[in-house]
């Protein structure tokens, strides 16, 4: 059994937190296993729990539209969530649930070795930024800002943004998410050697 199959089996059979009690399917993720861009949401919803695939409900459809507007192709992105099982009634993940699942996400990052991770929502953004010693109170204070972190032996750039579900309830956020996705598209078009300069340029542009 290869490393991905071992990980898939571990997630499918996981009982480390209460969420396994009500799941239909654990949702590991989908996309190319050599993707240079990774998208990390928060947790599966009803459609994701039913199908075993990430971002296939209403938020997923909106995400597909926004990716297209930004010039990004979903089929070139590996998409996952910090929590792999659906919380009851789509509530937010609890800290112990995130803690139980975080090693799976770390393993995914180490195996895929992406250049950039777009974290969608407070929970996934806080989890990855904490690896660089950054604590956040809300997504708005960090969204749209690139930051370099290290996950295992992987040098990773993180770009936090709002979760697509937030734009369903507050359509004004759509433009902000698309703008952040365009930053990601521009980043991905750069050569690896120019990435640090790109991050510095973006920080200067945003006034941070």
Protein backbone atom coordinates (compact mmCIF):
# COMPACT_ATOMS: atom_id res chain seq x y z
CA UNK A 1 0.00 0.00 0.00
CA UNK A 2 1.48 3.36 -1.02
CA UNK A 3 1.51 6.45 1.17
CA UNK A 4 -1.63 7.97 -0.36
CA UNK A 5 -3.62 4.78 0.04
CA UNK A 6 -2.44 4.51 3.64
CA UNK A 7 -3.58 8.08 4.26
CA UNK A 8 -6.91 7.52 2.52
CA UNK A 9 -7.53 4.40 4.59
CA UNK A 10 -6.58 6.17 7.81
CA UNK A 11 -9.01 9.04 7.13
CA UNK A 12 -11.82 6.73 6.02
CA UNK A 13 -11.52 4.69 9.20
CA UNK A 14 -10.69 7.51 11.60
CA UNK A 15 -12.45 7.58 14.98
CA UNK A 16 -10.25 10.20 16.67
CA UNK A 17 -13.13 12.62 17.29
CA UNK A 18 -16.92 12.61 17.59
CA UNK A 19 -17.50 13.55 13.97
CA UNK A 20 -17.06 9.98 12.75
CA UNK A 21 -20.29 9.02 14.49
CA UNK A 22 -22.54 10.81 11.98
CA UNK A 23 -20.58 10.76 8.74
CA UNK A 24 -21.51 9.02 5.52
CA UNK A 25 -18.12 9.64 3.96
CA UNK A 26 -14.91 11.13 5.21
CA UNK A 27 -13.67 13.62 2.60
CA UNK A 28 -9.93 13.41 2.11
CA UNK A 29 -9.76 15.71 -0.91
CA UNK A 30 -9.35 15.59 -4.68
CA UNK A 31 -7.08 16.89 -7.37
CA UNK A 32 -3.65 16.25 -8.87
CA UNK A 33 -1.24 14.72 -6.38
CA UNK A 34 1.52 16.91 -7.82
CA UNK A 35 -0.52 20.14 -7.72
CA UNK A 36 1.45 23.32 -7.16
CA UNK A 37 -1.67 25.02 -5.78
CA UNK A 38 -3.68 23.68 -2.86
CA UNK A 39 -7.00 25.01 -1.61
CA UNK A 40 -7.95 24.32 2.00
CA UNK A 41 -11.46 24.90 3.30
CA UNK A 42 -12.96 24.21 6.70
CA UNK A 43 -15.16 21.10 6.70
CA UNK A 44 -17.46 19.08 4.43
CA UNK A 45 -21.11 20.02 4.13
CA UNK A 46 -24.13 17.86 3.33
CA UNK A 47 -23.32 17.32 -0.35
CA UNK A 48 -19.68 16.63 0.42
CA UNK A 49 -20.63 14.11 3.11
CA UNK A 50 -22.97 12.38 0.66
CA UNK A 51 -20.51 12.22 -2.25
CA UNK A 52 -17.16 12.01 -0.50
CA UNK A 53 -15.90 14.96 -2.58
CA UNK A 54 -14.90 18.46 -1.41
CA UNK A 55 -16.68 21.67 -2.45
CA UNK A 56 -19.51 20.16 -4.51
CA UNK A 57 -22.44 21.97 -2.82
CA UNK A 58 -23.57 25.57 -3.25
CA UNK A 59 -20.28 26.98 -1.93
CA UNK A 60 -18.39 24.71 -4.32
CA UNK A 61 -20.36 25.92 -7.33
CA UNK A 62 -19.65 29.52 -6.36
CA UNK A 63 -15.98 28.64 -5.85
CA UNK A 64 -15.80 27.20 -9.38
CA UNK A 65 -17.22 30.43 -10.79
CA UNK A 66 -14.78 32.57 -8.82
CA UNK A 67 -11.80 30.43 -9.81
CA UNK A 68 -12.79 30.92 -13.44
CA UNK A 69 -13.06 34.69 -13.00
CA UNK A 70 -9.54 34.72 -11.54
CA UNK A 71 -8.09 32.64 -14.37
CA UNK A 72 -7.55 29.51 -12.27
CA UNK A 73 -8.60 25.99 -13.24
CA UNK A 74 -10.06 23.72 -10.57
CA UNK A 75 -8.69 20.60 -12.26
CA UNK A 76 -5.13 21.82 -11.57
CA UNK A 77 -5.77 22.43 -7.85
CA UNK A 78 -5.76 19.95 -4.99
CA UNK A 79 -8.78 20.76 -2.82
CA UNK A 80 -9.32 19.63 0.75
CA UNK A 81 -10.52 20.80 4.18
CA UNK A 82 -8.87 21.03 7.55
CA UNK A 83 -11.61 18.77 9.00
CA UNK A 84 -12.45 15.68 6.96
CA UNK A 85 -15.90 14.80 8.37
CA UNK A 86 -19.06 16.92 8.36
CA UNK A 87 -19.89 18.67 11.64
CA UNK A 88 -23.57 18.30 12.63
CA UNK A 89 -25.85 20.87 11.00
CA UNK A 90 -22.80 22.40 9.27
CA UNK A 91 -21.62 24.05 12.48
CA UNK A 92 -18.06 25.31 12.67
CA UNK A 93 -15.38 22.75 13.56
CA UNK A 94 -14.45 22.62 17.22
CA UNK A 95 -10.83 22.95 18.38
CA UNK A 96 -10.47 19.29 19.34
CA UNK A 97 -11.87 18.23 15.96
CA UNK A 98 -9.35 20.40 14.15
CA UNK A 99 -6.56 19.06 16.35
CA UNK A 100 -7.56 15.47 15.54
CA UNK A 101 -7.56 16.13 11.77
CA UNK A 102 -4.57 18.47 11.45
CA UNK A 103 -2.00 15.64 11.10
CA UNK A 104 -3.89 14.42 8.02
CA UNK A 105 -3.69 17.87 6.43
CA UNK A 106 0.00 18.14 7.27
CA UNK A 107 0.57 14.75 5.64
CA UNK A 108 -1.27 15.89 2.52
CA UNK A 109 0.91 18.99 2.26
CA UNK A 110 4.10 16.96 2.72
CA UNK A 111 3.07 14.45 0.05
CA UNK A 112 1.80 17.01 -2.50
CA UNK A 113 4.46 19.67 -1.82
CA UNK A 114 2.49 22.64 -3.24
CA UNK A 115 4.02 26.08 -3.75
CA UNK A 116 0.93 27.92 -2.57
CA UNK A 117 -1.99 27.10 -0.27
CA UNK A 118 -5.14 29.23 -0.37
CA UNK A 119 -6.81 28.92 3.02
CA UNK A 120 -10.52 29.69 2.85
CA UNK A 121 -12.04 30.79 6.14
CA UNK A 122 -10.82 31.48 9.64
CA UNK A 123 -10.27 27.89 10.73
CA UNK A 124 -7.92 26.70 8.00
CA UNK A 125 -6.14 30.07 7.92
CA UNK A 126 -5.57 30.05 11.68
CA UNK A 127 -4.33 26.46 11.63
CA UNK A 128 -1.66 27.07 8.98
CA UNK A 129 -0.59 30.51 10.17
CA UNK A 130 -0.14 29.16 13.69
CA UNK A 131 2.70 27.07 12.28
CA UNK A 132 4.52 30.38 11.73
CA UNK A 133 3.60 31.60 15.21
CA UNK A 134 0.84 33.89 13.91
CA UNK A 135 -2.39 34.04 15.93
CA UNK A 136 -5.49 35.57 14.38
CA UNK A 137 -8.83 36.71 15.73
CA UNK A 138 -10.60 36.94 12.38
CA UNK A 139 -9.99 36.27 8.72
CA UNK A 140 -10.32 39.92 7.67
CA UNK A 141 -7.08 40.85 9.44
CA UNK A 142 -4.97 38.49 7.30
CA UNK A 143 -6.88 37.89 4.05
CA UNK A 144 -5.15 38.73 0.80
CA UNK A 145 -1.68 38.75 2.40
CA UNK A 146 0.94 36.20 1.39
CA UNK A 147 3.02 34.63 4.13
CA UNK A 148 5.74 31.99 4.01
CA UNK A 149 5.58 29.09 6.46
CA UNK A 150 7.19 25.68 6.82
CA UNK A 151 5.12 22.49 7.03
CA UNK A 152 7.36 19.53 7.75
CA UNK A 153 10.13 19.95 5.19
CA UNK A 154 7.92 21.89 2.78
CA UNK A 155 8.44 25.63 2.25
CA UNK A 156 4.90 26.84 1.65
CA UNK A 157 3.35 30.21 0.89
CA UNK A 158 -0.11 30.75 2.41
CA UNK A 159 -2.79 33.11 1.09
CA UNK A 160 -5.82 33.42 3.41
CA UNK A 161 -9.19 34.52 2.07
CA UNK A 162 -12.86 34.31 2.98
CA UNK A 163 -14.73 31.02 2.66
CA UNK A 164 -16.99 30.91 -0.42
CA UNK A 165 -19.98 30.23 1.85
CA UNK A 166 -19.49 33.70 3.33
CA UNK A 167 -20.05 35.21 -0.12
CA UNK A 168 -23.37 33.38 -0.40
CA UNK A 169 -24.65 35.20 2.66
CA UNK A 170 -22.78 38.43 1.95
CA UNK A 171 -22.41 38.86 -1.84
CA UNK A 172 -20.15 41.89 -1.34
CA UNK A 173 -17.39 39.49 -0.27
CA UNK A 174 -17.32 37.88 -3.70
CA UNK A 175 -15.19 40.65 -5.19
CA UNK A 176 -12.72 40.35 -2.32
CA UNK A 177 -12.38 36.58 -2.81
CA UNK A 178 -11.94 36.94 -6.57
CA UNK A 179 -9.29 39.60 -5.94
CA UNK A 180 -7.42 37.25 -3.62
CA UNK A 181 -7.68 34.43 -6.15
CA UNK A 182 -6.17 36.76 -8.75
CA UNK A 183 -3.23 37.32 -6.40
CA UNK A 184 -2.87 33.53 -6.29
CA UNK A 185 -2.99 33.31 -10.09
CA UNK A 186 -0.30 35.98 -10.41
CA UNK A 187 1.83 34.22 -7.80
CA UNK A 188 1.55 30.91 -9.62
CA UNK A 189 2.71 32.53 -12.86
CA UNK A 190 5.99 33.59 -11.27
CA UNK A 191 9.18 31.56 -11.36
CA UNK A 192 10.19 30.08 -8.03
CA UNK A 193 13.25 32.37 -7.92
CA UNK A 194 11.07 35.48 -7.95
CA UNK A 195 8.54 34.42 -5.32
CA UNK A 196 10.15 36.28 -2.40
CA UNK A 197 10.26 39.47 -4.45
CA UNK A 198 6.61 38.94 -5.37
CA UNK A 199 5.61 38.55 -1.71
CA UNK A 200 7.53 41.71 -0.79
CA UNK A 201 5.86 43.60 -3.64
CA UNK A 202 2.41 42.46 -2.49
CA UNK A 203 3.11 43.44 1.12
CA UNK A 204 4.24 46.87 -0.05
CA UNK A 205 1.18 47.25 -2.29
CA UNK A 206 -1.20 46.37 0.53
CA UNK A 207 0.56 48.65 3.00
CA UNK A 208 1.66 45.89 5.39
